[in-house]
N, C-alpha and C. Protein backbone atom coordinates (compact mmCIF):
# COMPACT_ATOMS: atom_id res chain seq x y z
N MET A 1 50.03 -33.75 43.06
CA MET A 1 49.46 -32.46 42.71
C MET A 1 48.00 -32.67 42.32
N ALA A 2 47.13 -31.95 42.95
CA ALA A 2 45.69 -32.09 42.69
C ALA A 2 45.27 -31.10 41.61
N PHE A 3 44.40 -31.58 40.75
CA PHE A 3 43.86 -30.73 39.69
C PHE A 3 42.56 -30.10 40.16
N SER A 4 42.27 -28.94 39.63
CA SER A 4 40.97 -28.35 39.90
C SER A 4 39.92 -29.14 39.12
N ARG A 5 38.68 -28.96 39.43
CA ARG A 5 37.61 -29.69 38.77
C ARG A 5 37.61 -29.40 37.26
N GLU A 6 37.83 -28.14 36.90
CA GLU A 6 37.83 -27.76 35.48
C GLU A 6 39.04 -28.34 34.75
N ALA A 7 40.21 -28.32 35.40
CA ALA A 7 41.41 -28.88 34.77
C ALA A 7 41.27 -30.38 34.57
N ARG A 8 40.67 -31.07 35.54
CA ARG A 8 40.43 -32.51 35.42
C ARG A 8 39.50 -32.80 34.25
N ARG A 9 38.43 -31.99 34.11
CA ARG A 9 37.49 -32.18 33.01
C ARG A 9 38.17 -31.95 31.67
N GLN A 10 39.06 -30.96 31.60
CA GLN A 10 39.75 -30.68 30.34
C GLN A 10 40.71 -31.81 29.96
N LYS A 11 41.35 -32.43 30.95
CA LYS A 11 42.22 -33.59 30.65
C LYS A 11 41.39 -34.74 30.09
N ILE A 12 40.25 -35.02 30.71
CA ILE A 12 39.37 -36.08 30.23
C ILE A 12 38.88 -35.74 28.83
N GLN A 13 38.52 -34.48 28.62
CA GLN A 13 38.01 -34.02 27.33
C GLN A 13 39.04 -34.23 26.22
N GLN A 14 40.30 -33.90 26.48
CA GLN A 14 41.35 -34.09 25.49
C GLN A 14 41.58 -35.57 25.20
N ARG A 15 41.54 -36.39 26.23
CA ARG A 15 41.75 -37.83 26.05
C ARG A 15 40.64 -38.45 25.21
N VAL A 16 39.40 -38.05 25.46
CA VAL A 16 38.27 -38.59 24.72
C VAL A 16 38.26 -38.06 23.29
N ARG A 17 38.64 -36.80 23.10
CA ARG A 17 38.59 -36.19 21.77
C ARG A 17 39.54 -36.85 20.79
N LYS A 18 40.58 -37.55 21.30
CA LYS A 18 41.49 -38.28 20.42
C LYS A 18 40.75 -39.38 19.66
N THR A 19 39.77 -40.01 20.32
CA THR A 19 39.09 -41.14 19.71
C THR A 19 37.71 -40.79 19.16
N VAL A 20 37.01 -39.83 19.77
CA VAL A 20 35.66 -39.47 19.33
C VAL A 20 35.77 -38.34 18.32
N GLN A 21 35.51 -38.65 17.06
CA GLN A 21 35.56 -37.66 15.99
C GLN A 21 34.26 -37.69 15.22
N GLY A 22 33.73 -36.53 14.92
CA GLY A 22 32.52 -36.45 14.11
C GLY A 22 32.85 -36.42 12.63
N THR A 23 32.18 -37.25 11.85
CA THR A 23 32.37 -37.26 10.41
C THR A 23 31.11 -36.75 9.74
N THR A 24 31.13 -36.68 8.44
CA THR A 24 29.96 -36.21 7.71
C THR A 24 28.82 -37.22 7.85
N GLU A 25 29.14 -38.51 7.83
CA GLU A 25 28.11 -39.54 7.95
C GLU A 25 27.61 -39.66 9.39
N ARG A 26 28.52 -39.46 10.36
CA ARG A 26 28.17 -39.63 11.77
C ARG A 26 28.78 -38.49 12.58
N PRO A 27 28.10 -37.34 12.65
CA PRO A 27 28.65 -36.19 13.35
C PRO A 27 28.67 -36.39 14.87
N ARG A 28 29.34 -35.48 15.56
CA ARG A 28 29.52 -35.58 17.01
C ARG A 28 28.48 -34.73 17.74
N LEU A 29 27.80 -35.34 18.71
CA LEU A 29 26.85 -34.63 19.58
C LEU A 29 27.61 -34.23 20.83
N SER A 30 27.94 -32.94 20.94
CA SER A 30 28.71 -32.42 22.05
C SER A 30 27.79 -31.75 23.06
N VAL A 31 28.02 -32.02 24.34
CA VAL A 31 27.18 -31.51 25.41
C VAL A 31 28.00 -30.56 26.28
N TYR A 32 27.42 -29.41 26.63
CA TYR A 32 28.05 -28.50 27.58
C TYR A 32 27.05 -28.21 28.68
N ARG A 33 27.53 -28.29 29.91
CA ARG A 33 26.68 -28.10 31.07
C ARG A 33 27.24 -26.93 31.88
N SER A 34 26.40 -25.93 32.13
CA SER A 34 26.80 -24.83 33.00
C SER A 34 25.89 -24.82 34.22
N ASN A 35 26.14 -23.91 35.13
CA ASN A 35 25.29 -23.83 36.32
C ASN A 35 23.87 -23.42 35.98
N THR A 36 23.71 -22.64 34.94
CA THR A 36 22.39 -22.10 34.60
C THR A 36 21.71 -22.80 33.45
N GLY A 37 22.44 -23.50 32.60
CA GLY A 37 21.79 -24.07 31.43
C GLY A 37 22.48 -25.29 30.89
N MET A 38 21.89 -25.81 29.82
CA MET A 38 22.38 -27.00 29.14
C MET A 38 22.45 -26.68 27.65
N TYR A 39 23.51 -27.08 27.01
CA TYR A 39 23.71 -26.78 25.60
C TYR A 39 24.11 -28.06 24.88
N ALA A 40 23.67 -28.21 23.64
CA ALA A 40 24.06 -29.36 22.82
C ALA A 40 24.28 -28.89 21.40
N GLN A 41 25.31 -29.44 20.77
CA GLN A 41 25.62 -29.13 19.37
C GLN A 41 25.92 -30.42 18.64
N ILE A 42 25.55 -30.46 17.38
CA ILE A 42 25.95 -31.56 16.50
C ILE A 42 26.96 -30.97 15.54
N ILE A 43 28.18 -31.53 15.57
CA ILE A 43 29.33 -30.94 14.89
C ILE A 43 29.92 -31.92 13.88
N ASP A 44 30.21 -31.41 12.70
CA ASP A 44 30.95 -32.16 11.69
C ASP A 44 32.41 -31.72 11.81
N ASP A 45 33.27 -32.58 12.40
CA ASP A 45 34.66 -32.21 12.64
C ASP A 45 35.49 -32.16 11.35
N VAL A 46 35.08 -32.91 10.34
CA VAL A 46 35.82 -32.90 9.07
C VAL A 46 35.68 -31.54 8.41
N ALA A 47 34.45 -31.04 8.33
CA ALA A 47 34.21 -29.72 7.73
C ALA A 47 34.47 -28.60 8.73
N GLY A 48 34.49 -28.92 10.03
CA GLY A 48 34.75 -27.91 11.05
C GLY A 48 33.59 -26.96 11.25
N ARG A 49 32.36 -27.48 11.22
CA ARG A 49 31.22 -26.58 11.41
C ARG A 49 30.13 -27.24 12.22
N THR A 50 29.34 -26.40 12.87
CA THR A 50 28.21 -26.86 13.66
C THR A 50 27.01 -27.02 12.74
N LEU A 51 26.38 -28.18 12.77
CA LEU A 51 25.23 -28.46 11.91
C LEU A 51 23.93 -28.05 12.59
N VAL A 52 23.78 -28.39 13.87
CA VAL A 52 22.54 -28.15 14.61
C VAL A 52 22.92 -27.82 16.05
N SER A 53 22.17 -26.91 16.70
CA SER A 53 22.42 -26.63 18.10
C SER A 53 21.10 -26.41 18.84
N ALA A 54 21.14 -26.65 20.15
CA ALA A 54 19.97 -26.41 21.01
C ALA A 54 20.48 -25.96 22.37
N SER A 55 19.67 -25.15 23.04
CA SER A 55 20.07 -24.59 24.32
C SER A 55 18.86 -24.46 25.23
N SER A 56 19.06 -24.63 26.52
CA SER A 56 17.96 -24.46 27.46
C SER A 56 17.62 -22.98 27.64
N LEU A 57 18.55 -22.10 27.33
CA LEU A 57 18.29 -20.67 27.48
C LEU A 57 17.43 -20.13 26.35
N LYS A 58 17.55 -20.70 25.17
CA LYS A 58 16.77 -20.22 24.02
C LYS A 58 15.44 -20.92 23.86
N ASP A 59 15.29 -22.08 24.47
CA ASP A 59 14.05 -22.84 24.34
C ASP A 59 13.05 -22.36 25.38
N LYS A 60 11.91 -21.88 24.94
CA LYS A 60 10.90 -21.32 25.85
C LYS A 60 10.30 -22.37 26.78
N LYS A 61 10.28 -23.64 26.36
CA LYS A 61 9.72 -24.71 27.20
C LYS A 61 10.59 -24.97 28.42
N ALA A 62 11.88 -24.63 28.36
CA ALA A 62 12.82 -24.94 29.43
C ALA A 62 12.86 -23.87 30.52
N ASN A 63 12.10 -22.79 30.38
CA ASN A 63 12.13 -21.73 31.37
C ASN A 63 11.37 -22.12 32.62
N GLY A 64 11.99 -21.91 33.77
CA GLY A 64 11.32 -22.10 35.05
C GLY A 64 11.09 -23.53 35.48
N ILE A 65 11.84 -24.48 34.93
CA ILE A 65 11.69 -25.87 35.36
C ILE A 65 13.02 -26.37 35.92
N ALA A 66 13.00 -27.54 36.54
CA ALA A 66 14.21 -28.10 37.15
C ALA A 66 15.28 -28.38 36.10
N LYS A 67 16.52 -28.44 36.53
CA LYS A 67 17.64 -28.58 35.60
C LYS A 67 17.61 -29.89 34.83
N ILE A 68 17.22 -30.98 35.47
CA ILE A 68 17.15 -32.26 34.75
C ILE A 68 16.04 -32.21 33.71
N GLU A 69 14.94 -31.55 34.03
CA GLU A 69 13.86 -31.39 33.05
C GLU A 69 14.32 -30.51 31.89
N GLN A 70 15.12 -29.49 32.19
CA GLN A 70 15.68 -28.65 31.12
C GLN A 70 16.54 -29.50 30.19
N ALA A 71 17.34 -30.39 30.75
CA ALA A 71 18.21 -31.24 29.94
C ALA A 71 17.38 -32.15 29.03
N LYS A 72 16.26 -32.65 29.54
CA LYS A 72 15.38 -33.49 28.72
C LYS A 72 14.79 -32.71 27.56
N VAL A 73 14.40 -31.45 27.82
CA VAL A 73 13.84 -30.60 26.77
C VAL A 73 14.89 -30.34 25.69
N VAL A 74 16.13 -30.08 26.11
CA VAL A 74 17.21 -29.83 25.14
C VAL A 74 17.51 -31.09 24.34
N GLY A 75 17.48 -32.26 24.98
CA GLY A 75 17.70 -33.52 24.27
C GLY A 75 16.65 -33.77 23.21
N GLN A 76 15.40 -33.52 23.54
CA GLN A 76 14.33 -33.68 22.55
C GLN A 76 14.48 -32.67 21.42
N ALA A 77 14.83 -31.42 21.77
CA ALA A 77 14.96 -30.37 20.75
C ALA A 77 16.10 -30.68 19.78
N ILE A 78 17.24 -31.14 20.30
CA ILE A 78 18.38 -31.42 19.42
C ILE A 78 18.06 -32.60 18.50
N ALA A 79 17.32 -33.59 19.00
CA ALA A 79 16.95 -34.74 18.17
C ALA A 79 15.99 -34.33 17.07
N GLU A 80 15.02 -33.48 17.40
CA GLU A 80 14.06 -33.01 16.38
C GLU A 80 14.76 -32.19 15.32
N LYS A 81 15.67 -31.29 15.72
CA LYS A 81 16.40 -30.47 14.75
C LYS A 81 17.31 -31.33 13.88
N ALA A 82 17.91 -32.36 14.49
CA ALA A 82 18.79 -33.25 13.73
C ALA A 82 18.02 -34.04 12.69
N LYS A 83 16.85 -34.54 13.08
CA LYS A 83 16.02 -35.28 12.12
C LYS A 83 15.58 -34.38 10.97
N ALA A 84 15.25 -33.13 11.29
CA ALA A 84 14.87 -32.18 10.24
C ALA A 84 16.03 -31.90 9.29
N ALA A 85 17.26 -31.97 9.80
CA ALA A 85 18.45 -31.75 8.98
C ALA A 85 18.93 -33.02 8.30
N GLY A 86 18.24 -34.14 8.54
CA GLY A 86 18.59 -35.40 7.90
C GLY A 86 19.67 -36.18 8.62
N ILE A 87 19.87 -35.92 9.90
CA ILE A 87 20.88 -36.61 10.70
C ILE A 87 20.18 -37.64 11.58
N GLU A 88 20.57 -38.90 11.47
CA GLU A 88 19.96 -39.95 12.28
C GLU A 88 20.95 -40.58 13.26
N LYS A 89 22.24 -40.70 12.86
CA LYS A 89 23.25 -41.32 13.71
C LYS A 89 24.29 -40.28 14.10
N VAL A 90 24.67 -40.30 15.38
CA VAL A 90 25.69 -39.40 15.89
C VAL A 90 26.64 -40.17 16.81
N VAL A 91 27.76 -39.53 17.13
CA VAL A 91 28.69 -40.02 18.14
C VAL A 91 28.52 -39.13 19.35
N PHE A 92 28.32 -39.70 20.54
CA PHE A 92 28.06 -38.90 21.74
C PHE A 92 29.37 -38.48 22.40
N ASP A 93 29.52 -37.19 22.62
CA ASP A 93 30.68 -36.62 23.30
C ASP A 93 30.19 -35.96 24.58
N ARG A 94 30.48 -36.58 25.72
CA ARG A 94 29.99 -36.04 26.98
C ARG A 94 30.86 -34.91 27.49
N ASN A 95 31.93 -34.59 26.75
CA ASN A 95 32.76 -33.41 27.00
C ASN A 95 33.47 -33.44 28.35
N GLY A 96 33.83 -34.61 28.83
CA GLY A 96 34.56 -34.72 30.08
C GLY A 96 33.67 -34.81 31.32
N TYR A 97 32.37 -34.67 31.15
CA TYR A 97 31.45 -34.79 32.29
C TYR A 97 31.14 -36.27 32.53
N LEU A 98 30.77 -36.60 33.75
CA LEU A 98 30.34 -37.96 34.04
C LEU A 98 28.99 -38.21 33.38
N TYR A 99 28.77 -39.44 32.93
CA TYR A 99 27.48 -39.80 32.34
C TYR A 99 26.52 -40.03 33.49
N HIS A 100 25.96 -38.93 34.00
CA HIS A 100 25.15 -38.97 35.20
C HIS A 100 24.35 -37.68 35.27
N GLY A 101 23.17 -37.74 35.84
CA GLY A 101 22.39 -36.52 36.06
C GLY A 101 21.91 -35.87 34.78
N ARG A 102 22.27 -34.61 34.59
CA ARG A 102 21.78 -33.85 33.44
C ARG A 102 22.31 -34.36 32.11
N VAL A 103 23.57 -34.80 32.08
CA VAL A 103 24.14 -35.33 30.84
C VAL A 103 23.41 -36.60 30.43
N LYS A 104 23.13 -37.46 31.39
CA LYS A 104 22.41 -38.70 31.12
C LYS A 104 20.98 -38.41 30.68
N ALA A 105 20.33 -37.43 31.32
CA ALA A 105 18.95 -37.08 30.97
C ALA A 105 18.87 -36.55 29.54
N LEU A 106 19.84 -35.73 29.14
CA LEU A 106 19.87 -35.20 27.77
C LEU A 106 20.05 -36.34 26.77
N ALA A 107 20.98 -37.25 27.06
CA ALA A 107 21.27 -38.35 26.14
C ALA A 107 20.05 -39.27 25.98
N GLU A 108 19.41 -39.61 27.09
CA GLU A 108 18.27 -40.50 27.01
C GLU A 108 17.08 -39.85 26.30
N ALA A 109 16.88 -38.55 26.52
CA ALA A 109 15.79 -37.86 25.82
C ALA A 109 16.06 -37.80 24.32
N ALA A 110 17.32 -37.61 23.93
CA ALA A 110 17.67 -37.59 22.51
C ALA A 110 17.45 -38.97 21.88
N ARG A 111 17.79 -40.01 22.61
CA ARG A 111 17.57 -41.38 22.11
C ARG A 111 16.08 -41.67 21.94
N GLU A 112 15.29 -41.27 22.94
CA GLU A 112 13.85 -41.50 22.85
C GLU A 112 13.21 -40.75 21.69
N ALA A 113 13.77 -39.59 21.36
CA ALA A 113 13.23 -38.80 20.25
C ALA A 113 13.70 -39.29 18.89
N GLY A 114 14.55 -40.34 18.87
CA GLY A 114 14.89 -40.96 17.60
C GLY A 114 16.33 -40.81 17.13
N LEU A 115 17.21 -40.24 17.94
CA LEU A 115 18.61 -40.10 17.55
C LEU A 115 19.36 -41.37 17.96
N ASN A 116 20.17 -41.91 17.07
CA ASN A 116 20.90 -43.15 17.34
C ASN A 116 22.34 -42.88 17.70
N PHE A 117 22.76 -43.36 18.87
CA PHE A 117 24.17 -43.33 19.27
C PHE A 117 24.41 -44.32 20.37
């Protein structure tokens, strides 16, 4: 039985979520990729709340540029917001996506901007 692309991603997401947990000391950096935009959140799973978020749709610098460039802008934005909130170390949650393309560009931009994971 073949799974749809979304069902396959959800299975991977559930499997990874068993081991990747965000704590107060080291919250989880979750990435969501849609056809039109890129989203990132830093989540404290213990408290159950989002600490910092960034989106390519809300960031004015990301308008009208290529999708990989949008992902880089979101990665830099999430790292800057995290540093302002006092967050330096995170656990990376690729949310079932392959570490390739836009997900990789976001992660590398966040690392270059000073986020450790």
